[in-house]
Structures are given as structure tokens and as C-alpha cells.
């Protein structure tokens, strides 16, 4: 059901769907140490990327099974906030599609120093969607 809904949301008016490589949930946390212990010690995930403010965990058996934890300040943390990251094959094409469909872009298309090119939109439910591709030849 979720896959069908996501596929419908990502179709352009003439029926072509973009290629989705993965969707990574980003959980906001003011307790990064506890989050690290939960995902590594309890779930057995490995740290794939640690930038201090964001840690991405990956399944050792399935590299597309991932979860990220994004640090928030204690006083500004909200209960269980959710941000979604969708890795696409061509972020520039996805950006052009968002513009063509009149979807509000809340973070501009940007090549980041950490080796990704991305932009942000907000879905109809108010969830921030980070649409990104890895920059060929760069790694995080």
C-alpha cells in the first residue's frame, strides 16, 4: 500500500515514475548517544556515516536498509519528528519535475561538500522530504 501510494505521488502527468534507489527515515533526537546504542547494540546496525550532527545506520546484511538520526537541541526537540530522504538516480531531473509540478522547494538544489546533491520539499502532510543523489566521484 505504501509503495503504491509513493509510486502514485512520484508519477508525472504522462505516467513515468522516477527511479527510487532508497528511502531513508531521518529521526530527530536530542539523545544521540542513546540513539547510537539503540541502533548498534540493540538492532545490530553499523554506522555508515557519522558527521556529528547526523549518523546513518545501515544493516550489515542489506545496505539499502538504513536509518539516520539527526541531532536537535534539547530545548527545541519535538516528540518523534520525521524527515524522509529519498535517493534518486537523477536529482536534477527530480528537481525539474518538482518545479514543473509546482511543488514548493524549501531548500534549493545544492551540491553539498559531503558528496551529495540535494533539495528539499514538504509533502502534503508537512513532512520534509530531502531528495538527493550522490555526486559521482565523491563519497561522504
C-alpha atoms as a PDB file:
ATOM      1  CA  UNK A   1       0.000   0.000   0.000  1.00  0.00           C
ATOM      2  CA  UNK A   2       2.768   2.466   0.957  1.00  0.00           C
ATOM      3  CA  UNK A   3       4.723   1.560  -2.170  1.00  0.00           C
ATOM      4  CA  UNK A   4       1.654   2.113  -4.365  1.00  0.00           C
ATOM      5  CA  UNK A   5       0.973   5.480  -2.721  1.00  0.00           C
ATOM      6  CA  UNK A   6       4.607   6.558  -3.090  1.00  0.00           C
ATOM      7  CA  UNK A   7       4.665   5.456  -6.719  1.00  0.00           C
ATOM      8  CA  UNK A   8       1.491   7.455  -7.432  1.00  0.00           C
ATOM      9  CA  UNK A   9       2.981  10.539  -5.740  1.00  0.00           C
ATOM     10  CA  UNK A  10       6.154  10.358  -7.832  1.00  0.00           C
ATOM     11  CA  UNK A  11       4.497   9.918 -11.243  1.00  0.00           C
ATOM     12  CA  UNK A  12       4.471  12.834 -13.636  1.00  0.00           C
ATOM     13  CA  UNK A  13       1.309  13.624 -15.537  1.00  0.00           C
ATOM     14  CA  UNK A  14       2.321  11.450 -18.503  1.00  0.00           C
ATOM     15  CA  UNK A  15       2.810   8.360 -16.319  1.00  0.00           C
ATOM     16  CA  UNK A  16       6.572   7.898 -15.910  1.00  0.00           C
ATOM     17  CA  UNK A  17       7.890   7.196 -12.406  1.00  0.00           C
ATOM     18  CA  UNK A  18      11.331   8.323 -11.268  1.00  0.00           C
ATOM     19  CA  UNK A  19      13.834   5.652 -10.218  1.00  0.00           C
ATOM     20  CA  UNK A  20      13.950   5.335  -6.423  1.00  0.00           C
ATOM     21  CA  UNK A  21      17.127   3.802  -5.013  1.00  0.00           C
ATOM     22  CA  UNK A  22      16.215   4.063  -1.336  1.00  0.00           C
ATOM     23  CA  UNK A  23      14.112   5.973   1.175  1.00  0.00           C
ATOM     24  CA  UNK A  24      15.910   6.729   4.442  1.00  0.00           C
ATOM     25  CA  UNK A  25      13.968   7.861   7.512  1.00  0.00           C
ATOM     26  CA  UNK A  26      15.731  10.616   9.485  1.00  0.00           C
ATOM     27  CA  UNK A  27      14.697  10.637  13.133  1.00  0.00           C
ATOM     28  CA  UNK A  28      15.257  13.808  15.169  1.00  0.00           C
ATOM     29  CA  UNK A  29      16.955  13.197  18.511  1.00  0.00           C
ATOM     30  CA  UNK A  30      18.345  15.195  21.409  1.00  0.00           C
ATOM     31  CA  UNK A  31      19.924  11.956  22.723  1.00  0.00           C
ATOM     32  CA  UNK A  32      22.478  10.924  20.119  1.00  0.00           C
ATOM     33  CA  UNK A  33      24.400   8.576  22.471  1.00  0.00           C
ATOM     34  CA  UNK A  34      21.251   6.632  23.356  1.00  0.00           C
ATOM     35  CA  UNK A  35      20.272   6.505  19.689  1.00  0.00           C
ATOM     36  CA  UNK A  36      23.710   5.164  18.756  1.00  0.00           C
ATOM     37  CA  UNK A  37      23.433   2.430  21.386  1.00  0.00           C
ATOM     38  CA  UNK A  38      19.875   1.549  20.315  1.00  0.00           C
ATOM     39  CA  UNK A  39      20.664   1.082  16.627  1.00  0.00           C
ATOM     40  CA  UNK A  40      24.061  -0.590  17.041  1.00  0.00           C
ATOM     41  CA  UNK A  41      23.693  -2.588  20.246  1.00  0.00           C
ATOM     42  CA  UNK A  42      20.008  -3.500  20.034  1.00  0.00           C
ATOM     43  CA  UNK A  43      19.354  -3.718  16.290  1.00  0.00           C
ATOM     44  CA  UNK A  44      22.866  -4.706  15.232  1.00  0.00           C
ATOM     45  CA  UNK A  45      23.183  -1.957  12.624  1.00  0.00           C
ATOM     46  CA  UNK A  46      26.527  -0.481  11.670  1.00  0.00           C
ATOM     47  CA  UNK A  47      27.465   3.202  11.441  1.00  0.00           C
ATOM     48  CA  UNK A  48      27.778   4.051   7.740  1.00  0.00           C
ATOM     49  CA  UNK A  49      28.292   7.802   8.208  1.00  0.00           C
ATOM     50  CA  UNK A  50      28.870   9.966  11.269  1.00  0.00           C
ATOM     51  CA  UNK A  51      29.027  13.710  10.674  1.00  0.00           C
ATOM     52  CA  UNK A  52      28.421  14.590  14.316  1.00  0.00           C
ATOM     53  CA  UNK A  53      25.007  16.162  13.706  1.00  0.00           C
ATOM     54  CA  UNK A  54      23.734  13.199  11.654  1.00  0.00           C
ATOM     55  CA  UNK A  55      24.526   9.493  11.980  1.00  0.00           C
ATOM     56  CA  UNK A  56      23.392   6.975   9.359  1.00  0.00           C
ATOM     57  CA  UNK A  57      22.983   3.350  10.371  1.00  0.00           C
ATOM     58  CA  UNK A  58      22.974   0.503   7.867  1.00  0.00           C
ATOM     59  CA  UNK A  59      22.078  -3.147   8.046  1.00  0.00           C
ATOM     60  CA  UNK A  60      25.183  -5.316   7.612  1.00  0.00           C
ATOM     61  CA  UNK A  61      23.056  -7.731   5.549  1.00  0.00           C
ATOM     62  CA  UNK A  62      21.148  -5.220   3.390  1.00  0.00           C
ATOM     63  CA  UNK A  63      22.911  -1.943   2.598  1.00  0.00           C
ATOM     64  CA  UNK A  64      19.689  -0.280   1.441  1.00  0.00           C
ATOM     65  CA  UNK A  65      18.075  -0.848   4.865  1.00  0.00           C
ATOM     66  CA  UNK A  66      19.126   2.368   6.553  1.00  0.00           C
ATOM     67  CA  UNK A  67      18.055   4.863   9.184  1.00  0.00           C
ATOM     68  CA  UNK A  68      19.565   8.207  10.129  1.00  0.00           C
ATOM     69  CA  UNK A  69      19.403  10.120  13.404  1.00  0.00           C
ATOM     70  CA  UNK A  70      19.635  13.913  13.216  1.00  0.00           C
ATOM     71  CA  UNK A  71      20.711  15.841  16.304  1.00  0.00           C
ATOM     72  CA  UNK A  72      18.403  18.509  17.703  1.00  0.00           C
ATOM     73  CA  UNK A  73      18.888  20.776  20.685  1.00  0.00           C
ATOM     74  CA  UNK A  74      17.283  19.656  23.941  1.00  0.00           C
ATOM     75  CA  UNK A  75      15.176  22.797  24.278  1.00  0.00           C
ATOM     76  CA  UNK A  76      13.935  22.694  20.660  1.00  0.00           C
ATOM     77  CA  UNK A  77      13.438  18.934  20.306  1.00  0.00           C
ATOM     78  CA  UNK A  78       9.925  17.887  19.401  1.00  0.00           C
ATOM     79  CA  UNK A  79       8.449  14.458  20.031  1.00  0.00           C
ATOM     80  CA  UNK A  80       9.345  11.944  17.296  1.00  0.00           C
ATOM     81  CA  UNK A  81       9.852  14.266  14.335  1.00  0.00           C
ATOM     82  CA  UNK A  82      10.232  12.566  10.968  1.00  0.00           C
ATOM     83  CA  UNK A  83      12.111  13.684   7.864  1.00  0.00           C
ATOM     84  CA  UNK A  84      12.415  11.437   4.812  1.00  0.00           C
ATOM     85  CA  UNK A  85      15.354  11.177   2.439  1.00  0.00           C
ATOM     86  CA  UNK A  86      14.767   9.733  -0.996  1.00  0.00           C
ATOM     87  CA  UNK A  87      17.812   8.883  -3.072  1.00  0.00           C
ATOM     88  CA  UNK A  88      17.051   9.172  -6.773  1.00  0.00           C
ATOM     89  CA  UNK A  89      19.096   8.347  -9.871  1.00  0.00           C
ATOM     90  CA  UNK A  90      18.971  11.938 -11.211  1.00  0.00           C
ATOM     91  CA  UNK A  91      18.358  14.708  -8.663  1.00  0.00           C
ATOM     92  CA  UNK A  92      18.440  17.412 -11.345  1.00  0.00           C
ATOM     93  CA  UNK A  93      15.591  15.703 -13.216  1.00  0.00           C
ATOM     94  CA  UNK A  94      13.669  15.290  -9.940  1.00  0.00           C
ATOM     95  CA  UNK A  95      14.178  18.998  -9.208  1.00  0.00           C
ATOM     96  CA  UNK A  96      12.923  19.935 -12.673  1.00  0.00           C
ATOM     97  CA  UNK A  97       9.899  17.673 -12.138  1.00  0.00           C
ATOM     98  CA  UNK A  98       9.129  19.315  -8.772  1.00  0.00           C
ATOM     99  CA  UNK A  99       9.290  22.732 -10.427  1.00  0.00           C
ATOM    100  CA  UNK A 100       7.109  21.608 -13.343  1.00  0.00           C
ATOM    101  CA  UNK A 101       4.502  20.258 -10.932  1.00  0.00           C
ATOM    102  CA  UNK A 102       4.510  23.469  -8.882  1.00  0.00           C
ATOM    103  CA  UNK A 103       5.778  21.736  -5.742  1.00  0.00           C
ATOM    104  CA  UNK A 104       7.254  24.245  -3.293  1.00  0.00           C
ATOM    105  CA  UNK A 105      11.007  23.803  -2.934  1.00  0.00           C
ATOM    106  CA  UNK A 106      12.027  24.815   0.598  1.00  0.00           C
ATOM    107  CA  UNK A 107      15.781  24.164   0.225  1.00  0.00           C
ATOM    108  CA  UNK A 108      17.384  24.912  -3.151  1.00  0.00           C
ATOM    109  CA  UNK A 109      19.165  22.377  -5.325  1.00  0.00           C
ATOM    110  CA  UNK A 110      22.648  22.329  -3.806  1.00  0.00           C
ATOM    111  CA  UNK A 111      25.859  20.325  -4.221  1.00  0.00           C
ATOM    112  CA  UNK A 112      26.980  19.676  -0.653  1.00  0.00           C
ATOM    113  CA  UNK A 113      30.614  19.199   0.481  1.00  0.00           C
ATOM    114  CA  UNK A 114      29.679  15.781   1.893  1.00  0.00           C
ATOM    115  CA  UNK A 115      29.278  14.429  -1.646  1.00  0.00           C
ATOM    116  CA  UNK A 116      25.558  14.710  -2.322  1.00  0.00           C
ATOM    117  CA  UNK A 117      23.413  16.969  -4.469  1.00  0.00           C
ATOM    118  CA  UNK A 118      20.006  17.632  -2.954  1.00  0.00           C
ATOM    119  CA  UNK A 119      16.943  19.797  -2.483  1.00  0.00           C
ATOM    120  CA  UNK A 120      14.037  19.743  -0.027  1.00  0.00           C
ATOM    121  CA  UNK A 121      10.289  19.777  -0.499  1.00  0.00           C
ATOM    122  CA  UNK A 122       7.468  19.361   2.005  1.00  0.00           C
ATOM    123  CA  UNK A 123       4.922  16.636   1.329  1.00  0.00           C
ATOM    124  CA  UNK A 124       1.182  17.305   1.685  1.00  0.00           C
ATOM    125  CA  UNK A 125       1.335  16.033   5.284  1.00  0.00           C
ATOM    126  CA  UNK A 126       4.003  18.538   6.290  1.00  0.00           C
ATOM    127  CA  UNK A 127       6.886  16.018   6.273  1.00  0.00           C
ATOM    128  CA  UNK A 128      10.160  17.376   4.934  1.00  0.00           C
ATOM    129  CA  UNK A 129      11.497  15.310   2.026  1.00  0.00           C
ATOM    130  CA  UNK A 130      15.225  15.508   1.271  1.00  0.00           C
ATOM    131  CA  UNK A 131      15.603  14.458  -2.395  1.00  0.00           C
ATOM    132  CA  UNK A 132      19.213  13.609  -3.183  1.00  0.00           C
ATOM    133  CA  UNK A 133      21.779  11.835  -5.356  1.00  0.00           C
ATOM    134  CA  UNK A 134      25.397  11.047  -4.612  1.00  0.00           C
ATOM    135  CA  UNK A 135      27.823  13.110  -6.667  1.00  0.00           C
ATOM    136  CA  UNK A 136      29.781  10.737  -8.910  1.00  0.00           C
ATOM    137  CA  UNK A 137      33.394  10.504  -7.761  1.00  0.00           C
ATOM    138  CA  UNK A 138      32.677  11.876  -4.258  1.00  0.00           C
ATOM    139  CA  UNK A 139      31.988   9.933  -1.108  1.00  0.00           C
ATOM    140  CA  UNK A 140      30.721  11.037   2.285  1.00  0.00           C
END
